[in-house]
Amino acid sequence: MYDTTTTETVIQGRQLQHTDEMSFFDKAAVVTPADQPDGPIDLWRLCTVTQIPSASLSLFDTLSVIFWGLIRDQIIVPFARRYKRHESGFTQLQCMGIGLAISVVAMVVAGALEVFRLNTFLIGCAEVSTVVGQLEFFYDQALDGMRSLCSALSLTTIALRNYLTALLVTIVICETTRSRELGWIPNNMNKGRLY
């Protein structure tokens, strides 16, 4: 297993120890003959068990979407059907509105919890409600020949959102590191201002 003693892997004077939890991430830390630990390290091929790249955090968004999708289909929609007397439980516009409202709550909660270094699971719930509402809206309200195009445009907006997010993060990094300071979003989240 590849390991390093840089300040990024050391917390309060002690190096983080390997644990058996989430051991499937260990594959990224296994030194192979193609790796050269004594030379410059390619983090796309080899990293320590305490450096899982921040891009892998989107995995948790996907898992929460699966979780909240099941909750929505098995609990929320049947409950709403009984009381709203609507075939889908909520109208498509209500579903999108609920998703956007939960998104606002999720961002407020995420910002507040970041101060205390906690994690939140609400964004998957918001995404399920918004995306499912959009798809139902397009299939229910669009002309037959436009359904696929509307679904494609919906997915295109998600892709554009991800590109815009990447652009904003790049701008923040560039602007906050101009004076040779650490910046707001450094590799070590404990030293940054991610909130």
Protein backbone atom coordinates (compact mmCIF):
# COMPACT_ATOMS: atom_id res chain seq x y z
CA MET A 1 0.00 0.00 0.00
CA TYR A 2 1.30 3.43 -0.97
CA ASP A 3 1.52 5.94 1.86
CA THR A 4 3.15 9.29 2.47
CA THR A 5 3.91 11.44 5.50
CA THR A 6 3.04 14.85 4.06
CA THR A 7 1.11 17.36 6.11
CA GLU A 8 -2.01 16.59 4.08
CA THR A 9 -2.17 13.05 5.50
CA VAL A 10 -1.30 14.01 9.07
CA ILE A 11 -3.93 15.31 11.48
CA GLN A 12 -2.97 16.68 14.92
CA GLY A 13 0.55 15.31 14.72
CA ARG A 14 -0.39 11.71 13.91
CA GLN A 15 -0.74 9.97 10.61
CA LEU A 16 -4.16 8.62 9.68
CA GLN A 17 -4.27 4.85 10.07
CA HIS A 18 -5.67 2.45 7.52
CA THR A 19 -9.06 0.93 8.38
CA ASP A 20 -11.01 -1.96 6.90
CA GLU A 21 -14.08 0.20 6.28
CA MET A 22 -14.63 0.93 2.58
CA SER A 23 -11.66 -1.23 1.70
CA PHE A 24 -12.77 -1.20 -1.97
CA PHE A 25 -11.05 2.19 -2.18
CA ASP A 26 -7.73 0.47 -1.41
CA LYS A 27 -7.26 -0.43 -5.06
CA ALA A 28 -6.16 3.15 -5.77
CA ALA A 29 -3.41 2.80 -3.14
CA VAL A 30 -1.87 -0.47 -4.35
CA VAL A 31 1.59 0.05 -5.83
CA THR A 32 2.00 -1.72 -9.18
CA PRO A 33 5.19 -2.19 -11.24
CA ALA A 34 4.15 0.74 -13.46
CA ASP A 35 4.16 3.12 -10.45
CA GLN A 36 7.32 4.82 -9.27
CA PRO A 37 6.76 5.92 -5.64
CA ASP A 38 10.24 7.50 -5.50
CA GLY A 39 9.54 9.80 -8.47
CA PRO A 40 6.63 12.15 -9.25
CA ILE A 41 3.31 10.48 -8.48
CA ASP A 42 0.46 10.45 -10.99
CA LEU A 43 -2.61 10.81 -8.70
CA TRP A 44 -4.82 9.36 -11.44
CA ARG A 45 -2.96 6.07 -11.00
CA LEU A 46 -1.81 6.03 -7.38
CA CYS A 47 -2.87 7.80 -4.20
CA THR A 48 -2.85 7.10 -0.49
CA VAL A 49 -5.86 5.62 1.28
CA THR A 50 -6.41 9.02 2.93
CA GLN A 51 -6.55 10.85 -0.43
CA ILE A 52 -9.63 9.72 -2.15
CA PRO A 53 -10.16 12.37 -4.90
CA SER A 54 -12.93 14.90 -4.25
CA ALA A 55 -14.53 13.97 -7.59
CA SER A 56 -15.49 10.64 -6.02
CA LEU A 57 -17.95 12.52 -3.80
CA SER A 58 -20.45 12.43 -6.68
CA LEU A 59 -20.76 8.70 -5.94
CA PHE A 60 -22.57 9.59 -2.73
CA ASP A 61 -24.98 11.82 -4.67
CA THR A 62 -25.79 8.86 -6.94
CA LEU A 63 -26.30 6.55 -3.96
CA SER A 64 -28.59 9.06 -2.27
CA VAL A 65 -30.61 9.42 -5.51
CA ILE A 66 -31.13 5.65 -5.53
CA PHE A 67 -32.12 5.69 -1.85
CA TRP A 68 -34.52 8.63 -2.16
CA GLY A 69 -35.95 7.23 -5.41
CA LEU A 70 -36.99 4.11 -3.54
CA ILE A 71 -38.40 6.16 -0.65
CA ARG A 72 -40.34 8.33 -3.09
CA ASP A 73 -41.83 5.43 -5.07
CA GLN A 74 -42.57 3.14 -2.12
CA ILE A 75 -43.68 5.57 0.59
CA ILE A 76 -44.23 9.19 -0.47
CA VAL A 77 -46.15 8.68 -3.74
CA PRO A 78 -48.61 6.05 -2.35
CA PHE A 79 -49.21 8.28 0.68
CA ALA A 80 -49.79 11.35 -1.52
CA ARG A 81 -52.13 9.39 -3.85
CA ARG A 82 -54.45 8.64 -0.93
CA TYR A 83 -54.72 12.24 0.22
CA LYS A 84 -54.27 14.26 -2.98
CA ARG A 85 -56.48 12.06 -5.18
CA HIS A 86 -53.97 12.50 -8.00
CA GLU A 87 -52.69 9.59 -10.11
CA SER A 88 -49.02 10.46 -9.54
CA GLY A 89 -49.47 11.74 -6.00
CA PHE A 90 -48.27 15.21 -6.96
CA THR A 91 -48.59 17.11 -10.20
CA GLN A 92 -45.39 17.49 -12.19
CA LEU A 93 -45.07 21.17 -11.33
CA GLN A 94 -45.66 20.44 -7.64
CA CYS A 95 -42.99 17.75 -7.80
CA MET A 96 -40.47 20.15 -9.38
CA GLY A 97 -41.37 22.86 -6.85
CA ILE A 98 -40.87 20.45 -3.96
CA GLY A 99 -37.50 19.42 -5.41
CA LEU A 100 -36.35 23.02 -5.79
CA ALA A 101 -37.53 23.89 -2.27
CA ILE A 102 -35.63 20.89 -0.88
CA SER A 103 -32.57 22.03 -2.88
CA VAL A 104 -32.66 25.38 -1.09
CA VAL A 105 -32.96 23.63 2.27
CA ALA A 106 -30.16 21.22 1.29
CA MET A 107 -27.78 24.06 0.42
CA VAL A 108 -28.56 25.91 3.67
CA VAL A 109 -28.09 22.71 5.67
CA ALA A 110 -24.89 21.81 3.78
CA GLY A 111 -23.44 25.27 4.41
CA ALA A 112 -24.34 25.16 8.10
CA LEU A 113 -23.05 21.62 8.55
CA GLU A 114 -19.80 22.33 6.72
CA VAL A 115 -18.88 24.67 9.53
CA PHE A 116 -19.12 21.70 11.88
CA ARG A 117 -17.63 19.26 9.30
CA LEU A 118 -20.67 17.03 8.98
CA ASN A 119 -22.24 15.41 5.93
CA THR A 120 -25.77 15.70 4.58
CA PHE A 121 -27.95 13.42 2.50
CA LEU A 122 -30.66 15.87 1.37
CA ILE A 123 -29.35 16.72 -2.12
CA GLY A 124 -30.28 13.27 -3.47
CA CYS A 125 -33.86 13.77 -2.27
CA ALA A 126 -34.01 17.13 -4.03
CA GLU A 127 -32.57 15.72 -7.24
CA VAL A 128 -35.02 12.81 -7.30
CA SER A 129 -38.00 15.09 -6.88
CA THR A 130 -36.85 17.64 -9.45
CA VAL A 131 -35.61 15.24 -12.13
CA VAL A 132 -38.53 12.83 -11.83
CA GLY A 133 -40.94 15.77 -11.93
CA GLN A 134 -39.26 17.13 -15.07
CA LEU A 135 -39.34 13.79 -16.85
CA GLU A 136 -42.99 13.20 -15.93
CA PHE A 137 -43.80 16.74 -17.06
CA PHE A 138 -42.12 16.22 -20.44
CA TYR A 139 -43.78 12.85 -21.05
CA ASP A 140 -47.19 14.07 -19.93
CA GLN A 141 -47.27 17.57 -21.41
CA ALA A 142 -45.03 17.41 -24.49
CA LEU A 143 -46.17 16.37 -27.94
CA ASP A 144 -45.43 12.75 -28.86
CA GLY A 145 -42.63 13.74 -31.23
CA MET A 146 -41.04 16.08 -28.68
CA ARG A 147 -40.73 13.77 -25.67
CA SER A 148 -37.28 12.45 -26.50
CA LEU A 149 -36.03 15.94 -27.34
CA CYS A 150 -37.37 17.33 -24.05
CA SER A 151 -35.73 14.52 -22.08
CA ALA A 152 -32.46 15.15 -23.92
CA LEU A 153 -32.70 18.87 -23.15
CA SER A 154 -33.31 18.03 -19.49
CA LEU A 155 -30.15 15.93 -19.38
CA THR A 156 -28.30 18.68 -21.27
CA THR A 157 -29.19 21.17 -18.53
CA ILE A 158 -27.73 18.75 -15.96
CA ALA A 159 -24.51 18.56 -17.99
CA LEU A 160 -24.39 22.36 -18.33
CA ARG A 161 -24.95 22.65 -14.56
CA ASN A 162 -21.91 20.43 -13.96
CA TYR A 163 -19.77 22.47 -16.38
CA LEU A 164 -20.89 25.70 -14.70
CA THR A 165 -20.05 24.26 -11.29
CA ALA A 166 -16.58 23.28 -12.50
CA LEU A 167 -16.09 26.79 -13.95
CA LEU A 168 -17.17 28.46 -10.70
CA VAL A 169 -14.83 26.25 -8.66
CA THR A 170 -11.95 27.06 -11.04
CA ILE A 171 -12.67 30.80 -10.78
CA VAL A 172 -12.80 30.62 -6.97
CA ILE A 173 -9.50 28.71 -6.86
CA CYS A 174 -7.79 31.16 -9.24
CA GLU A 175 -9.08 34.27 -7.48
CA THR A 176 -8.33 33.10 -3.94
CA THR A 177 -4.81 31.85 -4.71
CA ARG A 178 -3.55 34.97 -6.54
CA SER A 179 -1.55 36.26 -3.58
CA ARG A 180 0.17 32.88 -3.12
CA GLU A 181 -2.20 32.01 -0.28
CA LEU A 182 -3.72 28.57 0.24
CA GLY A 183 -7.07 29.60 -1.26
CA TRP A 184 -10.63 28.75 -0.33
CA ILE A 185 -10.65 25.25 -1.85
CA PRO A 186 -7.24 23.66 -1.19
CA ASN A 187 -6.47 19.95 -1.34
CA ASN A 188 -6.66 19.82 2.45
CA MET A 189 -10.29 20.71 3.24
CA ASN A 190 -9.43 21.35 6.90
CA LYS A 191 -7.36 24.36 5.87
CA GLY A 192 -9.82 25.83 3.37
CA ARG A 193 -13.11 27.70 3.36
CA LEU A 194 -15.32 25.22 1.54
CA TYR A 195 -18.44 26.56 3.25
